[in-house]
Amino acid sequence: MRNLPIIGIVVILIVAGAGIFIYFNLTKQAEVPKVEIMTKTLEGKKIAMVIAFRDFRDIEYFIPKDVLQEAGARITTISSKRGTAVGADGGEAEVDLVISEVNAANFNAVIFIGGPGMGQNLDNEEFQKLAKDTVKADRVLGAICIAPALLAKAGILKDKKATVWSSPMDKSAIKILKDSGAEYLEEDVVTDGKIVTAAGPFAAEEFARKIIEALTKNNK
């Protein structure tokens, strides 16, 4: 009789051990390796990113570039001259092509990046010509921050929905859009056909994803 408590304890330990064994085996079977699927949506696509040689907006260049490259796109950085372009926040980008050398038809999309430097190039004829050539070539055209004002000055946004950078103290870019005949929308990102515009650095990632959508939809 004295052995009964000991036998009981042994039985409990065996049952408990079996339970633990079953639990860990079921858990192990349920563990499925997490595989990060990288969908190369833009495999084979070529995208030109146009920046000011001085004071482009870093976030608006680097974040979309990363997103687009992750999707499989090949990025070519374009500016007014060769060398190392420097962003307003100190970031550096190597220029692959001078804007005068660019044929818009060789790219699937052309994207104009904002920043103080782009603000000084709104009337730049070469920048405007590339934007107009992109439309003529029936390619996707993107512009972020102040850059949509360049598209407006080039006459591209007439009767188009678009957004642009503004602040409580400075609404001048909005006026440029409206004066050009664009329908200004106070939104982070606006897509109208093959033209994608974004209001600033806070919309950089969404801007890139809308570019991907436009390229996927139009497939050119």
C-alpha atoms as a PDB file:
ATOM      1  CA  MET A   1       0.000   0.000   0.000  1.00  0.00           C
ATOM      2  CA  ARG A   2       2.918   2.265   0.766  1.00  0.00           C
ATOM      3  CA  ASN A   3       4.027   1.842  -2.856  1.00  0.00           C
ATOM      4  CA  LEU A   4       0.748   3.226  -4.247  1.00  0.00           C
ATOM      5  CA  PRO A   5       1.699   6.920  -3.873  1.00  0.00           C
ATOM      6  CA  ILE A   6       5.024   6.213  -5.599  1.00  0.00           C
ATOM      7  CA  ILE A   7       3.295   4.351  -8.432  1.00  0.00           C
ATOM      8  CA  GLY A   8       0.859   7.228  -8.773  1.00  0.00           C
ATOM      9  CA  ILE A   9       3.681   9.736  -9.047  1.00  0.00           C
ATOM     10  CA  VAL A  10       5.428   7.598 -11.668  1.00  0.00           C
ATOM     11  CA  VAL A  11       2.223   7.374 -13.704  1.00  0.00           C
ATOM     12  CA  ILE A  12       1.738  11.143 -13.521  1.00  0.00           C
ATOM     13  CA  LEU A  13       5.323  11.736 -14.636  1.00  0.00           C
ATOM     14  CA  ILE A  14       4.922   9.338 -17.582  1.00  0.00           C
ATOM     15  CA  VAL A  15       1.671  10.967 -18.677  1.00  0.00           C
ATOM     16  CA  ALA A  16       3.143  14.437 -18.302  1.00  0.00           C
ATOM     17  CA  GLY A  17       6.243  13.446 -20.236  1.00  0.00           C
ATOM     18  CA  ALA A  18       4.144  12.001 -23.046  1.00  0.00           C
ATOM     19  CA  GLY A  19       2.103  15.201 -23.157  1.00  0.00           C
ATOM     20  CA  ILE A  20       5.178  17.347 -23.419  1.00  0.00           C
ATOM     21  CA  PHE A  21       6.591  15.097 -26.146  1.00  0.00           C
ATOM     22  CA  ILE A  22       3.372  15.311 -28.180  1.00  0.00           C
ATOM     23  CA  TYR A  23       3.126  19.098 -27.672  1.00  0.00           C
ATOM     24  CA  PHE A  24       6.635  19.780 -28.925  1.00  0.00           C
ATOM     25  CA  ASN A  25       6.236  17.469 -31.879  1.00  0.00           C
ATOM     26  CA  LEU A  26       2.956  19.105 -32.914  1.00  0.00           C
ATOM     27  CA  THR A  27       4.511  22.527 -32.456  1.00  0.00           C
ATOM     28  CA  LYS A  28       7.499  21.517 -34.555  1.00  0.00           C
ATOM     29  CA  GLN A  29       5.207  20.252 -37.321  1.00  0.00           C
ATOM     30  CA  ALA A  30       3.222  23.495 -37.229  1.00  0.00           C
ATOM     31  CA  GLU A  31       6.338  25.632 -37.670  1.00  0.00           C
ATOM     32  CA  VAL A  32       6.421  26.549 -41.352  1.00  0.00           C
ATOM     33  CA  PRO A  33       9.564  28.374 -42.476  1.00  0.00           C
ATOM     34  CA  LYS A  34       8.791  32.005 -43.269  1.00  0.00           C
ATOM     35  CA  VAL A  35       9.762  32.634 -46.849  1.00  0.00           C
ATOM     36  CA  GLU A  36       9.873  36.253 -47.988  1.00  0.00           C
ATOM     37  CA  ILE A  37       8.537  36.165 -51.522  1.00  0.00           C
ATOM     38  CA  MET A  38      10.118  38.838 -53.666  1.00  0.00           C
ATOM     39  CA  THR A  39       7.814  39.449 -56.599  1.00  0.00           C
ATOM     40  CA  LYS A  40       9.871  40.982 -59.369  1.00  0.00           C
ATOM     41  CA  THR A  41       6.942  42.894 -60.829  1.00  0.00           C
ATOM     42  CA  LEU A  42       9.207  45.244 -62.755  1.00  0.00           C
ATOM     43  CA  GLU A  43      11.747  42.718 -63.992  1.00  0.00           C
ATOM     44  CA  GLY A  44      13.255  44.098 -67.198  1.00  0.00           C
ATOM     45  CA  LYS A  45      11.773  47.577 -66.727  1.00  0.00           C
ATOM     46  CA  LYS A  46      14.035  50.617 -67.020  1.00  0.00           C
ATOM     47  CA  ILE A  47      13.290  53.723 -64.970  1.00  0.00           C
ATOM     48  CA  ALA A  48      14.991  57.116 -65.171  1.00  0.00           C
ATOM     49  CA  MET A  49      15.111  59.174 -61.971  1.00  0.00           C
ATOM     50  CA  VAL A  50      15.798  62.856 -62.601  1.00  0.00           C
ATOM     51  CA  ILE A  51      17.390  64.843 -59.774  1.00  0.00           C
ATOM     52  CA  ALA A  52      18.870  68.289 -59.304  1.00  0.00           C
ATOM     53  CA  PHE A  53      22.655  68.121 -59.096  1.00  0.00           C
ATOM     54  CA  ARG A  54      22.496  70.025 -55.829  1.00  0.00           C
ATOM     55  CA  ASP A  55      19.800  69.828 -53.147  1.00  0.00           C
ATOM     56  CA  PHE A  56      17.524  67.089 -54.423  1.00  0.00           C
ATOM     57  CA  ARG A  57      15.229  65.767 -51.678  1.00  0.00           C
ATOM     58  CA  ASP A  58      17.030  62.689 -50.331  1.00  0.00           C
ATOM     59  CA  ILE A  59      14.005  60.724 -49.104  1.00  0.00           C
ATOM     60  CA  GLU A  60      12.140  61.258 -52.363  1.00  0.00           C
ATOM     61  CA  TYR A  61      15.037  59.741 -54.285  1.00  0.00           C
ATOM     62  CA  PHE A  62      16.360  56.961 -52.066  1.00  0.00           C
ATOM     63  CA  ILE A  63      13.082  55.446 -50.848  1.00  0.00           C
ATOM     64  CA  PRO A  64      11.419  55.147 -54.284  1.00  0.00           C
ATOM     65  CA  LYS A  65      14.699  53.908 -55.742  1.00  0.00           C
ATOM     66  CA  ASP A  66      14.875  51.107 -53.164  1.00  0.00           C
ATOM     67  CA  VAL A  67      11.223  50.126 -53.680  1.00  0.00           C
ATOM     68  CA  LEU A  68      11.536  50.103 -57.459  1.00  0.00           C
ATOM     69  CA  GLN A  69      14.790  48.152 -57.430  1.00  0.00           C
ATOM     70  CA  GLU A  70      13.268  45.644 -55.027  1.00  0.00           C
ATOM     71  CA  ALA A  71      10.499  45.166 -57.604  1.00  0.00           C
ATOM     72  CA  GLY A  72      13.143  44.354 -60.211  1.00  0.00           C
ATOM     73  CA  ALA A  73      13.504  47.672 -62.037  1.00  0.00           C
ATOM     74  CA  ARG A  74      16.809  48.964 -63.380  1.00  0.00           C
ATOM     75  CA  ILE A  75      17.371  52.555 -62.239  1.00  0.00           C
ATOM     76  CA  THR A  76      19.281  55.206 -64.178  1.00  0.00           C
ATOM     77  CA  THR A  77      20.028  58.443 -62.342  1.00  0.00           C
ATOM     78  CA  ILE A  78      19.903  61.583 -64.471  1.00  0.00           C
ATOM     79  CA  SER A  79      20.920  65.162 -63.741  1.00  0.00           C
ATOM     80  CA  SER A  80      22.210  68.307 -65.400  1.00  0.00           C
ATOM     81  CA  LYS A  81      25.834  67.149 -65.248  1.00  0.00           C
ATOM     82  CA  ARG A  82      27.950  64.121 -64.448  1.00  0.00           C
ATOM     83  CA  GLY A  83      29.540  63.462 -61.107  1.00  0.00           C
ATOM     84  CA  THR A  84      28.195  63.021 -57.605  1.00  0.00           C
ATOM     85  CA  ALA A  85      24.895  64.783 -56.965  1.00  0.00           C
ATOM     86  CA  VAL A  86      24.325  65.885 -53.370  1.00  0.00           C
ATOM     87  CA  GLY A  87      20.961  65.947 -51.655  1.00  0.00           C
ATOM     88  CA  ALA A  88      19.588  68.642 -49.378  1.00  0.00           C
ATOM     89  CA  ASP A  89      20.219  66.309 -46.418  1.00  0.00           C
ATOM     90  CA  GLY A  90      23.705  65.315 -47.544  1.00  0.00           C
ATOM     91  CA  GLY A  91      22.957  62.083 -49.396  1.00  0.00           C
ATOM     92  CA  GLU A  92      25.011  61.340 -52.489  1.00  0.00           C
ATOM     93  CA  ALA A  93      23.989  59.849 -55.817  1.00  0.00           C
ATOM     94  CA  GLU A  94      26.167  59.054 -58.808  1.00  0.00           C
ATOM     95  CA  VAL A  95      24.795  60.507 -62.035  1.00  0.00           C
ATOM     96  CA  ASP A  96      24.598  57.938 -64.829  1.00  0.00           C
ATOM     97  CA  LEU A  97      23.476  60.223 -67.662  1.00  0.00           C
ATOM     98  CA  VAL A  98      23.317  63.926 -68.373  1.00  0.00           C
ATOM     99  CA  ILE A  99      19.772  64.993 -69.146  1.00  0.00           C
ATOM    100  CA  SER A 100      20.696  66.182 -72.667  1.00  0.00           C
ATOM    101  CA  GLU A 101      21.746  62.600 -73.502  1.00  0.00           C
ATOM    102  CA  VAL A 102      18.466  60.987 -72.492  1.00  0.00           C
ATOM    103  CA  ASN A 103      15.963  59.504 -74.901  1.00  0.00           C
ATOM    104  CA  ALA A 104      12.671  59.102 -73.019  1.00  0.00           C
ATOM    105  CA  ALA A 105      11.592  56.282 -75.328  1.00  0.00           C
ATOM    106  CA  ASN A 106      14.443  54.137 -73.950  1.00  0.00           C
ATOM    107  CA  PHE A 107      12.764  54.013 -70.545  1.00  0.00           C
ATOM    108  CA  ASN A 108       9.509  52.593 -69.244  1.00  0.00           C
ATOM    109  CA  ALA A 109       9.111  55.482 -66.814  1.00  0.00           C
ATOM    110  CA  VAL A 110      10.720  58.835 -66.077  1.00  0.00           C
ATOM    111  CA  ILE A 111      10.454  60.234 -62.549  1.00  0.00           C
ATOM    112  CA  PHE A 112      11.268  63.786 -61.450  1.00  0.00           C
ATOM    113  CA  ILE A 113      12.420  64.098 -57.840  1.00  0.00           C
ATOM    114  CA  GLY A 114      11.718  67.199 -55.767  1.00  0.00           C
ATOM    115  CA  GLY A 115      13.720  69.270 -53.335  1.00  0.00           C
ATOM    116  CA  PRO A 116      15.061  72.843 -53.257  1.00  0.00           C
ATOM    117  CA  GLY A 117      17.299  72.120 -56.253  1.00  0.00           C
ATOM    118  CA  MET A 118      14.372  71.026 -58.410  1.00  0.00           C
ATOM    119  CA  GLY A 119      12.551  74.170 -57.348  1.00  0.00           C
ATOM    120  CA  GLN A 120      15.319  76.138 -59.058  1.00  0.00           C
ATOM    121  CA  ASN A 121      14.878  74.137 -62.268  1.00  0.00           C
ATOM    122  CA  LEU A 122      11.153  74.538 -62.872  1.00  0.00           C
ATOM    123  CA  ASP A 123      11.833  76.644 -65.968  1.00  0.00           C
ATOM    124  CA  ASN A 124      14.770  74.537 -67.143  1.00  0.00           C
ATOM    125  CA  GLU A 125      14.099  73.816 -70.825  1.00  0.00           C
ATOM    126  CA  GLU A 126      15.983  70.505 -70.854  1.00  0.00           C
ATOM    127  CA  PHE A 127      14.056  69.225 -67.846  1.00  0.00           C
ATOM    128  CA  GLN A 128      10.767  70.312 -69.402  1.00  0.00           C
ATOM    129  CA  LYS A 129      11.686  68.776 -72.750  1.00  0.00           C
ATOM    130  CA  LEU A 130      12.384  65.407 -71.150  1.00  0.00           C
ATOM    131  CA  ALA A 131       9.008  65.541 -69.396  1.00  0.00           C
ATOM    132  CA  LYS A 132       7.229  66.348 -72.672  1.00  0.00           C
ATOM    133  CA  ASP A 133       9.193  63.681 -74.550  1.00  0.00           C
ATOM    134  CA  THR A 134       8.120  61.134 -71.928  1.00  0.00           C
ATOM    135  CA  VAL A 135       4.459  61.909 -72.629  1.00  0.00           C
ATOM    136  CA  LYS A 136       5.051  61.800 -76.395  1.00  0.00           C
ATOM    137  CA  ALA A 137       6.698  58.397 -76.013  1.00  0.00           C
ATOM    138  CA  ASP A 138       3.620  57.193 -74.098  1.00  0.00           C
ATOM    139  CA  ARG A 139       5.650  56.296 -71.014  1.00  0.00           C
ATOM    140  CA  VAL A 140       4.779  56.570 -67.325  1.00  0.00           C
ATOM    141  CA  LEU A 141       5.695  59.999 -65.958  1.00  0.00           C
ATOM    142  CA  GLY A 142       6.163  60.645 -62.245  1.00  0.00           C
ATOM    143  CA  ALA A 143       6.852  63.783 -60.222  1.00  0.00           C
ATOM    144  CA  ILE A 144       7.031  64.306 -56.470  1.00  0.00           C
ATOM    145  CA  CYS A 145       7.099  67.331 -54.149  1.00  0.00           C
ATOM    146  CA  ILE A 146       7.739  70.529 -56.161  1.00  0.00           C
ATOM    147  CA  ALA A 147       8.422  68.607 -59.386  1.00  0.00           C
ATOM    148  CA  PRO A 148       4.745  68.491 -60.502  1.00  0.00           C
ATOM    149  CA  ALA A 149       5.066  72.269 -60.928  1.00  0.00           C
ATOM    150  CA  LEU A 150       7.709  71.568 -63.586  1.00  0.00           C
ATOM    151  CA  LEU A 151       5.225  69.334 -65.414  1.00  0.00           C
ATOM    152  CA  ALA A 152       2.636  72.082 -65.162  1.00  0.00           C
ATOM    153  CA  LYS A 153       5.003  74.680 -66.594  1.00  0.00           C
ATOM    154  CA  ALA A 154       5.778  72.259 -69.429  1.00  0.00           C
ATOM    155  CA  GLY A 155       2.062  72.238 -70.277  1.00  0.00           C
ATOM    156  CA  ILE A 156       1.636  68.569 -69.416  1.00  0.00           C
ATOM    157  CA  LEU A 157      -0.962  68.812 -66.643  1.00  0.00           C
ATOM    158  CA  LYS A 158      -3.702  70.668 -68.512  1.00  0.00           C
ATOM    159  CA  ASP A 159      -7.023  68.928 -67.706  1.00  0.00           C
ATOM    160  CA  LYS A 160      -5.155  66.401 -65.548  1.00  0.00           C
ATOM    161  CA  LYS A 161      -5.694  65.602 -61.872  1.00  0.00           C
ATOM    162  CA  ALA A 162      -2.518  66.191 -59.876  1.00  0.00           C
ATOM    163  CA  THR A 163      -1.067  67.089 -56.517  1.00  0.00           C
ATOM    164  CA  VAL A 164       2.012  69.056 -55.491  1.00  0.00           C
ATOM    165  CA  TRP A 165       3.947  70.205 -52.433  1.00  0.00           C
ATOM    166  CA  SER A 166       2.629  73.129 -50.429  1.00  0.00           C
ATOM    167  CA  SER A 167       2.820  74.528 -46.921  1.00  0.00           C
ATOM    168  CA  PRO A 168       0.616  76.835 -44.837  1.00  0.00           C
ATOM    169  CA  MET A 169       2.989  79.670 -45.755  1.00  0.00           C
ATOM    170  CA  ASP A 170       3.590  78.775 -49.404  1.00  0.00           C
ATOM    171  CA  LYS A 171       0.835  77.804 -51.848  1.00  0.00           C
ATOM    172  CA  SER A 172       2.677  79.004 -54.947  1.00  0.00           C
ATOM    173  CA  ALA A 173       3.104  75.525 -56.449  1.00  0.00           C
ATOM    174  CA  ILE A 174      -0.651  74.935 -56.217  1.00  0.00           C
ATOM    175  CA  LYS A 175      -1.203  78.175 -58.103  1.00  0.00           C
ATOM    176  CA  ILE A 176       1.200  77.046 -60.831  1.00  0.00           C
ATOM    177  CA  LEU A 177      -0.819  73.854 -61.278  1.00  0.00           C
ATOM    178  CA  LYS A 178      -4.161  75.641 -61.363  1.00  0.00           C
ATOM    179  CA  ASP A 179      -2.888  78.345 -63.720  1.00  0.00           C
ATOM    180  CA  SER A 180      -1.721  75.608 -66.100  1.00  0.00           C
ATOM    181  CA  GLY A 181      -5.208  74.109 -66.238  1.00  0.00           C
ATOM    182  CA  ALA A 182      -4.598  71.187 -63.874  1.00  0.00           C
ATOM    183  CA  GLU A 183      -7.192  69.979 -61.397  1.00  0.00           C
ATOM    184  CA  TYR A 184      -5.353  70.208 -58.086  1.00  0.00           C
ATOM    185  CA  LEU A 185      -6.239  67.547 -55.496  1.00  0.00           C
ATOM    186  CA  GLU A 186      -5.112  67.860 -51.892  1.00  0.00           C
ATOM    187  CA  GLU A 187      -3.958  64.248 -51.663  1.00  0.00           C
ATOM    188  CA  ASP A 188      -0.662  62.493 -50.985  1.00  0.00           C
ATOM    189  CA  VAL A 189      -0.512  60.747 -54.367  1.00  0.00           C
ATOM    190  CA  VAL A 190      -2.636  61.206 -57.480  1.00  0.00           C
ATOM    191  CA  THR A 191      -2.660  59.052 -60.607  1.00  0.00           C
ATOM    192  CA  ASP A 192      -4.224  60.286 -63.830  1.00  0.00           C
ATOM    193  CA  GLY A 193      -3.587  57.911 -66.689  1.00  0.00           C
ATOM    194  CA  LYS A 194       0.159  57.479 -66.971  1.00  0.00           C
ATOM    195  CA  ILE A 195       0.988  60.523 -64.862  1.00  0.00           C
ATOM    196  CA  VAL A 196       1.674  60.000 -61.142  1.00  0.00           C
ATOM    197  CA  THR A 197       2.216  62.975 -58.838  1.00  0.00           C
ATOM    198  CA  ALA A 198       2.971  63.072 -55.108  1.00  0.00           C
ATOM    199  CA  ALA A 199       2.910  65.882 -52.553  1.00  0.00           C
ATOM    200  CA  GLY A 200       6.188  65.353 -50.719  1.00  0.00           C
ATOM    201  CA  PRO A 201       8.684  63.132 -48.880  1.00  0.00           C
ATOM    202  CA  PHE A 202       6.014  61.724 -46.544  1.00  0.00           C
ATOM    203  CA  ALA A 203       4.454  60.078 -49.630  1.00  0.00           C
ATOM    204  CA  ALA A 204       7.702  58.690 -51.062  1.00  0.00           C
ATOM    205  CA  GLU A 205       6.934  55.004 -50.570  1.00  0.00           C
ATOM    206  CA  GLU A 206       3.320  55.257 -51.711  1.00  0.00           C
ATOM    207  CA  PHE A 207       4.511  57.234 -54.727  1.00  0.00           C
ATOM    208  CA  ALA A 208       6.854  54.402 -55.703  1.00  0.00           C
ATOM    209  CA  ARG A 209       4.120  51.815 -55.349  1.00  0.00           C
ATOM    210  CA  LYS A 210       1.772  53.865 -57.527  1.00  0.00           C
ATOM    211  CA  ILE A 211       4.517  54.024 -60.144  1.00  0.00           C
ATOM    212  CA  ILE A 212       4.682  50.229 -59.999  1.00  0.00           C
ATOM    213  CA  GLU A 213       0.899  50.044 -60.403  1.00  0.00           C
ATOM    214  CA  ALA A 214       0.995  52.370 -63.402  1.00  0.00           C
ATOM    215  CA  LEU A 215       3.768  50.362 -65.051  1.00  0.00           C
ATOM    216  CA  THR A 216       2.015  47.073 -64.384  1.00  0.00           C
ATOM    217  CA  LYS A 217      -1.295  48.367 -65.686  1.00  0.00           C
ATOM    218  CA  ASN A 218       0.125  49.936 -68.820  1.00  0.00           C
ATOM    219  CA  ASN A 219       2.869  47.342 -69.362  1.00  0.00           C
ATOM    220  CA  LYS A 220       5.086  49.501 -71.587  1.00  0.00           C
END
